[in-house]
N, C-alpha and C. Protein backbone atom coordinates (compact mmCIF):
# COMPACT_ATOMS: atom_id res chain seq x y z
N ASN A 1 -4.92 0.97 -5.63
CA ASN A 1 -5.54 0.67 -4.83
C ASN A 1 -4.81 0.47 -3.09
N GLU A 2 -5.22 0.58 -2.63
CA GLU A 2 -4.86 0.76 -1.50
C GLU A 2 -4.49 -0.58 -0.75
N LEU A 3 -5.86 -0.92 -0.74
CA LEU A 3 -5.90 -2.64 -0.43
C LEU A 3 -4.23 -3.72 -0.27
N THR A 4 -4.70 -3.41 -2.30
CA THR A 4 -3.32 -3.97 -3.12
C THR A 4 -1.74 -3.83 -2.41
N HIS A 5 -1.82 -2.58 -2.22
CA HIS A 5 -0.46 -1.40 -1.94
C HIS A 5 0.06 -2.27 -0.45
N GLU A 6 -1.00 -2.76 0.19
CA GLU A 6 -0.73 -3.14 1.81
C GLU A 6 -0.06 -4.74 1.44
N ALA A 7 -1.05 -5.12 0.30
CA ALA A 7 -0.68 -6.79 0.31
C ALA A 7 0.55 -7.15 -0.59
N VAL A 8 1.18 -6.13 -1.37
CA VAL A 8 2.72 -6.55 -2.17
C VAL A 8 3.29 -5.88 -0.81
N ASN A 9 3.12 -4.70 0.26
CA ASN A 9 4.23 -4.43 0.91
C ASN A 9 3.97 -5.18 2.10
N SER A 10 3.19 -6.10 2.82
CA SER A 10 3.22 -6.80 3.43
C SER A 10 4.03 -8.30 3.19
N ALA A 11 3.68 -8.52 2.29
CA ALA A 11 4.57 -9.73 1.45
C ALA A 11 5.63 -9.86 0.94
N LEU A 12 5.92 -8.58 0.67
CA LEU A 12 7.83 -8.48 0.18
C LEU A 12 9.23 -7.30 1.24
N VAL A 13 8.06 -6.55 1.22
CA VAL A 13 8.80 -5.65 2.31
C VAL A 13 9.33 -6.27 4.10
N VAL A 14 10.73 -6.75 3.80
CA VAL A 14 11.18 -7.04 5.33
C VAL A 14 11.60 -5.63 6.34
N ASP A 15 10.66 -5.08 7.81
CA ASP A 15 11.50 -4.02 8.13
C ASP A 15 11.37 -4.79 9.98
N SER A 16 11.77 -5.96 9.52
CA SER A 16 11.73 -6.54 11.07
C SER A 16 11.75 -8.06 10.99
N PRO A 17 11.74 -8.30 11.80
CA PRO A 17 12.04 -10.36 11.63
C PRO A 17 10.15 -10.84 12.74
N ASN A 18 9.24 -9.89 12.17
CA ASN A 18 8.15 -9.91 12.83
C ASN A 18 7.55 -10.52 11.27
N SER A 19 7.75 -9.48 10.05
CA SER A 19 7.37 -9.49 8.97
C SER A 19 7.43 -10.36 8.48
N GLU A 20 6.09 -11.05 7.40
CA GLU A 20 5.65 -11.84 6.58
C GLU A 20 6.74 -12.36 5.87
N ALA A 21 7.52 -12.38 5.12
CA ALA A 21 8.64 -12.28 4.29
C ALA A 21 10.08 -12.65 5.25
N TYR A 22 9.91 -12.35 6.49
CA TYR A 22 11.78 -12.07 7.37
C TYR A 22 11.78 -13.31 6.42
N ASP A 23 11.24 -15.24 7.22
CA ASP A 23 12.00 -16.07 7.13
C ASP A 23 12.68 -16.15 5.75
N SER A 24 11.61 -16.02 4.43
CA SER A 24 12.30 -16.89 3.34
C SER A 24 13.29 -15.36 2.96
N TRP A 25 13.49 -14.15 3.64
CA TRP A 25 14.17 -13.36 3.08
C TRP A 25 15.53 -13.62 3.85
N ALA A 26 15.94 -14.26 5.25
CA ALA A 26 16.75 -15.09 6.08
C ALA A 26 17.24 -16.17 5.55
N SER A 27 17.21 -16.60 4.80
CA SER A 27 16.90 -18.20 4.08
C SER A 27 16.72 -18.76 3.54
N ASN A 28 17.22 -18.79 2.11
CA ASN A 28 17.05 -19.87 1.50
C ASN A 28 16.55 -21.37 1.23
N THR A 29 17.51 -21.86 2.22
CA THR A 29 17.50 -23.29 2.57
C THR A 29 16.55 -24.40 3.29
N GLN A 30 15.22 -23.68 3.19
CA GLN A 30 14.06 -24.56 3.61
C GLN A 30 13.38 -25.10 1.90
N ASP A 31 12.49 -26.11 2.14
CA ASP A 31 11.73 -26.73 1.13
C ASP A 31 11.29 -26.13 0.49
N ASP A 32 10.66 -24.96 1.07
CA ASP A 32 9.46 -24.03 0.39
C ASP A 32 10.00 -23.04 -0.55
N ALA A 33 11.50 -22.53 0.38
CA ALA A 33 12.12 -21.37 0.13
C ALA A 33 12.28 -21.06 -1.83
N PRO A 34 11.75 -19.83 -2.04
CA PRO A 34 12.36 -19.90 -2.99
C PRO A 34 13.97 -20.11 -3.66
N VAL A 35 14.32 -20.64 -5.22
CA VAL A 35 15.82 -21.25 -5.31
C VAL A 35 16.15 -20.15 -6.17
N LEU A 36 17.65 -19.46 -6.28
CA LEU A 36 18.21 -18.53 -6.99
C LEU A 36 19.45 -19.63 -7.88
N HIS A 37 18.81 -20.28 -9.17
CA HIS A 37 19.28 -21.37 -9.70
C HIS A 37 19.78 -20.02 -11.08
N TYR A 38 21.07 -20.53 -11.13
CA TYR A 38 21.54 -19.59 -11.83
C TYR A 38 21.67 -20.69 -13.25
N ASP A 39 22.21 -20.22 -14.80
CA ASP A 39 23.11 -21.54 -16.07
C ASP A 39 23.65 -20.33 -16.38
N PHE A 40 24.90 -20.78 -17.07
CA PHE A 40 26.14 -19.95 -17.48
C PHE A 40 26.81 -20.75 -18.93
N HIS A 41 27.09 -19.55 -19.56
CA HIS A 41 28.05 -20.99 -20.51
C HIS A 41 29.75 -20.05 -20.92
N ILE A 42 30.64 -20.81 -20.84
CA ILE A 42 31.86 -20.50 -20.84
C ILE A 42 31.99 -20.64 -22.57
N PHE A 43 33.46 -19.35 -22.67
CA PHE A 43 33.82 -19.36 -24.48
C PHE A 43 35.25 -20.18 -24.17
N ASP A 44 35.97 -21.13 -24.73
CA ASP A 44 37.11 -21.54 -24.32
C ASP A 44 37.69 -21.50 -26.26
N ILE A 45 38.72 -19.73 -25.45
CA ILE A 45 40.05 -19.89 -26.86
C ILE A 45 41.09 -21.34 -27.74
N THR A 46 40.83 -21.85 -28.92
CA THR A 46 40.95 -22.80 -29.39
C THR A 46 42.21 -22.12 -29.73
N ASN A 47 43.13 -21.10 -30.21
CA ASN A 47 44.08 -20.92 -31.02
C ASN A 47 45.17 -19.89 -30.61
N GLU A 48 44.73 -20.01 -29.24
CA GLU A 48 45.56 -18.51 -28.00
C GLU A 48 46.79 -18.08 -28.68
N ASN A 49 48.09 -18.94 -28.89
CA ASN A 49 49.58 -18.83 -29.66
C ASN A 49 49.07 -17.76 -31.04
N GLU A 50 47.67 -18.43 -31.64
CA GLU A 50 48.29 -18.07 -33.07
C GLU A 50 47.12 -16.39 -32.55
N MET A 51 46.40 -16.48 -31.51
CA MET A 51 45.69 -14.91 -31.61
C MET A 51 47.02 -13.83 -30.55
N LEU A 52 47.90 -14.28 -30.04
CA LEU A 52 48.90 -13.67 -29.26
C LEU A 52 49.67 -13.64 -30.10
N LEU A 53 50.37 -14.23 -31.38
CA LEU A 53 52.08 -14.07 -31.39
C LEU A 53 51.38 -13.61 -32.81
N GLU A 54 50.49 -14.09 -33.92
CA GLU A 54 50.36 -13.95 -34.94
C GLU A 54 48.89 -12.55 -34.96
N GLY A 55 48.19 -12.24 -34.25
CA GLY A 55 47.43 -11.08 -34.18
C GLY A 55 46.07 -12.58 -34.78
N ALA A 56 45.83 -13.54 -34.43
CA ALA A 56 44.69 -14.47 -35.69
C ALA A 56 43.39 -13.52 -34.22
N LYS A 57 42.46 -13.72 -35.10
CA LYS A 57 41.05 -13.82 -34.67
C LYS A 57 40.90 -14.90 -33.46
N PRO A 58 40.32 -14.61 -32.53
CA PRO A 58 40.58 -16.20 -31.58
C PRO A 58 38.88 -16.87 -31.95
N LYS A 59 39.70 -18.46 -31.83
CA LYS A 59 38.74 -19.08 -32.26
C LYS A 59 37.91 -20.07 -31.57
N LEU A 60 36.79 -20.08 -31.22
CA LEU A 60 35.63 -20.04 -30.21
C LEU A 60 34.80 -21.36 -29.93
N ILE A 61 34.89 -21.53 -28.51
CA ILE A 61 34.28 -23.01 -28.42
C ILE A 61 32.95 -22.75 -27.39
N GLU A 62 32.48 -22.82 -27.25
CA GLU A 62 31.40 -22.21 -26.43
C GLU A 62 31.34 -23.92 -25.26
N ARG A 63 31.46 -23.60 -24.39
CA ARG A 63 31.33 -24.68 -23.55
C ARG A 63 30.11 -24.50 -21.83
N GLY A 64 29.61 -25.96 -21.77
CA GLY A 64 28.47 -25.40 -20.98
C GLY A 64 27.51 -25.66 -21.67
N PRO A 65 26.03 -25.74 -21.12
CA PRO A 65 25.75 -24.42 -19.73
C PRO A 65 26.07 -25.73 -18.57
N TYR A 66 27.05 -24.64 -17.54
CA TYR A 66 26.85 -25.40 -16.37
C TYR A 66 25.75 -24.49 -15.39
N ALA A 67 26.18 -25.00 -14.46
CA ALA A 67 24.34 -24.48 -13.72
C ALA A 67 23.99 -24.76 -11.68
N TYR A 68 24.00 -23.94 -11.22
CA TYR A 68 24.30 -23.75 -10.07
C TYR A 68 22.99 -22.93 -9.04
N LYS A 69 22.56 -23.32 -7.87
CA LYS A 69 21.63 -23.33 -7.02
C LYS A 69 22.04 -22.30 -6.14
N LYS A 70 22.02 -21.38 -5.70
CA LYS A 70 22.27 -20.42 -4.86
C LYS A 70 21.42 -20.48 -3.96
N MET A 71 21.96 -20.92 -2.48
CA MET A 71 21.59 -21.09 -0.97
C MET A 71 22.18 -20.09 -0.34
N SER A 72 21.38 -19.25 0.88
CA SER A 72 22.09 -18.76 1.46
C SER A 72 21.60 -18.59 2.56
N GLU A 73 21.80 -17.30 4.24
CA GLU A 73 21.77 -17.90 5.17
C GLU A 73 22.60 -16.86 6.12
N LYS A 74 21.37 -15.19 6.23
CA LYS A 74 22.36 -14.42 6.85
C LYS A 74 21.94 -15.05 8.32
N PHE A 75 22.84 -14.40 8.40
CA PHE A 75 23.14 -14.65 10.59
C PHE A 75 23.82 -13.75 11.08
N ASP A 76 24.37 -13.25 12.01
CA ASP A 76 23.84 -12.24 12.75
C ASP A 76 23.03 -11.00 12.93
N ILE A 77 22.44 -10.76 12.34
CA ILE A 77 20.79 -10.13 11.62
C ILE A 77 21.46 -8.97 12.91
N GLU A 78 21.63 -7.58 12.82
CA GLU A 78 20.83 -6.53 13.80
C GLU A 78 19.73 -5.68 12.46
N TRP A 79 18.90 -4.84 13.52
CA TRP A 79 17.91 -3.98 12.90
C TRP A 79 18.19 -2.43 13.68
N HIS A 80 18.50 -1.73 12.21
CA HIS A 80 18.61 -0.14 12.75
C HIS A 80 17.90 0.84 13.20
N ASN A 81 17.60 1.72 13.34
CA ASN A 81 16.54 3.01 13.46
C ASN A 81 14.73 2.02 12.86
N HIS A 82 14.81 1.92 13.14
CA HIS A 82 13.50 0.87 13.55
C HIS A 82 12.93 0.22 12.11
N GLY A 83 14.24 -1.08 11.96
CA GLY A 83 13.73 -1.42 10.38
C GLY A 83 14.13 -0.96 9.49
N GLU A 84 14.63 0.49 9.47
CA GLU A 84 15.08 1.25 8.07
C GLU A 84 15.72 0.54 7.38
N TYR A 85 17.15 -0.19 8.24
CA TYR A 85 18.33 -0.78 7.44
C TYR A 85 18.73 -1.95 8.15
N VAL A 86 19.78 -3.03 7.59
CA VAL A 86 19.97 -3.92 8.52
C VAL A 86 21.89 -3.89 9.12
């Protein structure tokens, strides 16, 4: 449907500083901006010497979760080829 396509296109495509989605694309530091949140785990080897010297299977302890938010702000934005690329 053409109306749906236009609505999605205007909400997601950033092809100029006048685009509807430009502010949230350029920075996610505003209060209402979408936040990139990451959780990850690390595995710690507890028998490193036995593993390296004797060929033992590694014994692992899971550490975490560790979490962080990724905040970004673009700067010195230059538009080229009529908004085809930045």
